[in-house]
Amino acid sequence: MHGMNNFKILCFPFTYSQTHIRETSYRSIKPHLKQVFQSVYRHELETRLSYKPWKQEIAKIPNWSRRKAVAEFRLCIGHDCLGTHLHRIGIRPDPYCMLCSFREPMDKNHLGQCTALLNRTECERYWKARTKMMEN
């Protein structure tokens, strides 16, 4: 038996340990595993987000109402379901505004100039534009 332990140490020097490992229940190790996986995921997410140009803009969104925060978030990252985004993902044939006579791409910048969406806040213009686009 003693020779077998020496054989294991020689063949597997990095995996063999002389310490005794006690059995641990899943319930007791679950919080530790959860913490490890969350920290790895958080680090990976932070690395991926560090390259996004809109990362700084997202931090400026305070605790607004859900409707306003969603509109601001979507406009900030460019996934806003307006003409430009819908054209980019292949849903619309062109990126131009279908609500006014201007032949400008419908995006965050155009919302402030669109004649069909006057006298509203940016959030209200966004939701009104989405509603009108679904009607057409």
Protein backbone atom coordinates (compact mmCIF):
# COMPACT_ATOMS: atom_id res chain seq x y z
CA MET A 1 0.00 0.00 0.00
CA HIS A 2 2.85 2.35 0.82
CA GLY A 3 4.35 1.80 -2.63
CA MET A 4 1.03 2.69 -4.28
CA ASN A 5 1.00 6.13 -2.56
CA ASN A 6 4.52 6.84 -3.80
CA PHE A 7 3.46 5.78 -7.30
CA LYS A 8 0.54 8.26 -7.21
CA ILE A 9 2.81 11.06 -6.02
CA LEU A 10 5.32 10.41 -8.80
CA CYS A 11 2.75 10.06 -11.57
CA PHE A 12 0.36 12.81 -10.48
CA PRO A 13 2.44 15.39 -8.56
CA PHE A 14 0.04 18.27 -9.15
CA THR A 15 -3.21 16.49 -8.43
CA TYR A 16 -2.31 14.31 -5.47
CA SER A 17 -2.57 15.77 -2.00
CA GLN A 18 -1.78 14.31 1.42
CA THR A 19 -4.58 16.33 3.05
CA HIS A 20 -7.84 14.69 3.92
CA ILE A 21 -10.85 16.13 2.10
CA ARG A 22 -14.06 15.96 4.08
CA GLU A 23 -17.38 15.47 2.36
CA THR A 24 -19.48 18.61 2.02
CA SER A 25 -23.15 18.78 1.31
CA TYR A 26 -24.49 20.66 -1.68
CA ARG A 27 -26.50 22.90 0.62
CA SER A 28 -23.41 24.12 2.45
CA ILE A 29 -21.34 24.71 -0.68
CA LYS A 30 -24.13 26.25 -2.80
CA PRO A 31 -23.68 29.87 -1.50
CA HIS A 32 -19.94 29.67 -2.18
CA LEU A 33 -20.46 28.36 -5.72
CA LYS A 34 -23.05 31.04 -6.40
CA GLN A 35 -20.64 33.76 -5.26
CA VAL A 36 -17.82 32.38 -7.42
CA PHE A 37 -20.01 32.15 -10.54
CA GLN A 38 -21.46 35.63 -9.99
CA SER A 39 -18.03 37.21 -9.58
CA VAL A 40 -16.74 35.52 -12.74
CA TYR A 41 -19.85 36.62 -14.67
CA ARG A 42 -19.62 40.17 -13.30
CA HIS A 43 -15.96 40.44 -14.32
CA GLU A 44 -16.70 39.10 -17.82
CA LEU A 45 -19.64 41.49 -18.22
CA GLU A 46 -17.58 44.49 -17.09
CA THR A 47 -14.86 43.57 -19.59
CA ARG A 48 -17.37 43.32 -22.44
CA LEU A 49 -19.13 46.56 -21.48
CA SER A 50 -15.91 48.54 -21.18
CA TYR A 51 -15.72 48.66 -24.98
CA LYS A 52 -19.28 49.99 -25.49
CA PRO A 53 -19.48 53.69 -26.43
CA TRP A 54 -22.76 54.19 -24.54
CA LYS A 55 -21.50 52.89 -21.18
CA GLN A 56 -20.99 56.38 -19.73
CA GLU A 57 -24.42 57.52 -20.90
CA ILE A 58 -26.16 54.64 -19.12
CA ALA A 59 -24.74 55.79 -15.79
CA LYS A 60 -26.52 59.13 -16.23
CA ILE A 61 -30.00 57.53 -16.19
CA PRO A 62 -31.35 58.16 -12.68
CA ASN A 63 -34.27 56.44 -10.97
CA TRP A 64 -36.89 57.65 -13.42
CA SER A 65 -40.24 56.06 -14.09
CA ARG A 66 -39.93 52.80 -15.99
CA ARG A 67 -41.44 54.31 -19.16
CA LYS A 68 -38.93 57.17 -19.21
CA ALA A 69 -35.95 55.00 -18.26
CA VAL A 70 -36.75 52.43 -20.97
CA ALA A 71 -37.06 55.15 -23.62
CA GLU A 72 -33.79 56.78 -22.56
CA PHE A 73 -31.96 53.44 -22.42
CA ARG A 74 -33.15 52.37 -25.86
CA LEU A 75 -32.31 55.73 -27.41
CA CYS A 76 -28.91 55.72 -25.73
CA ILE A 77 -27.81 52.31 -27.02
CA GLY A 78 -29.43 52.66 -30.46
CA HIS A 79 -31.76 49.65 -30.17
CA ASP A 80 -34.75 51.92 -30.22
CA CYS A 81 -37.12 50.35 -32.80
CA LEU A 82 -37.08 53.56 -34.83
CA GLY A 83 -36.49 53.62 -38.59
CA THR A 84 -32.70 53.48 -38.52
CA HIS A 85 -32.55 50.49 -36.19
CA LEU A 86 -35.35 48.64 -37.97
CA HIS A 87 -33.56 49.19 -41.30
CA ARG A 88 -30.26 47.97 -39.82
CA ILE A 89 -31.83 44.67 -38.70
CA GLY A 90 -33.70 44.19 -41.99
CA ILE A 91 -37.30 44.94 -40.98
CA ARG A 92 -37.76 48.23 -42.88
CA PRO A 93 -36.65 48.84 -46.47
CA ASP A 94 -35.24 52.31 -45.65
CA PRO A 95 -34.19 54.22 -42.50
CA TYR A 96 -36.17 57.38 -43.25
CA CYS A 97 -38.92 58.87 -41.09
CA MET A 98 -42.37 57.77 -42.18
CA LEU A 99 -44.14 60.38 -40.04
CA CYS A 100 -42.98 63.62 -41.65
CA SER A 101 -41.97 64.92 -45.06
CA PHE A 102 -38.23 65.15 -44.26
CA ARG A 103 -36.07 62.48 -45.86
CA GLU A 104 -33.89 62.04 -42.79
CA PRO A 105 -33.01 58.82 -41.00
CA MET A 106 -35.35 58.29 -38.05
CA ASP A 107 -33.15 58.09 -34.98
CA LYS A 108 -32.62 59.90 -31.68
CA ASN A 109 -31.45 63.08 -33.41
CA HIS A 110 -34.44 63.20 -35.74
CA LEU A 111 -37.00 62.84 -32.92
CA GLY A 112 -36.37 66.45 -31.89
CA GLN A 113 -36.91 67.79 -35.42
CA CYS A 114 -39.82 65.65 -36.64
CA THR A 115 -42.85 67.85 -37.41
CA ALA A 116 -45.23 65.05 -36.43
CA LEU A 117 -43.82 64.95 -32.88
CA LEU A 118 -43.67 68.58 -31.74
CA ASN A 119 -44.12 70.00 -28.21
CA ARG A 120 -43.29 66.85 -26.30
CA THR A 121 -40.44 65.64 -24.13
CA GLU A 122 -37.94 63.22 -25.67
CA CYS A 123 -39.59 60.33 -23.85
CA GLU A 124 -43.06 61.29 -25.10
CA ARG A 125 -41.76 61.78 -28.66
CA TYR A 126 -40.16 58.32 -28.58
CA TRP A 127 -43.33 56.52 -27.47
CA LYS A 128 -45.55 58.60 -29.81
CA ALA A 129 -43.28 57.77 -32.75
CA ARG A 130 -43.44 54.07 -31.93
CA THR A 131 -47.24 54.19 -31.71
CA LYS A 132 -47.59 56.08 -35.00
CA MET A 133 -45.18 53.74 -36.77
CA MET A 134 -47.28 50.72 -35.74
CA GLU A 135 -50.41 52.41 -37.08
CA ASN A 136 -48.83 52.92 -40.53
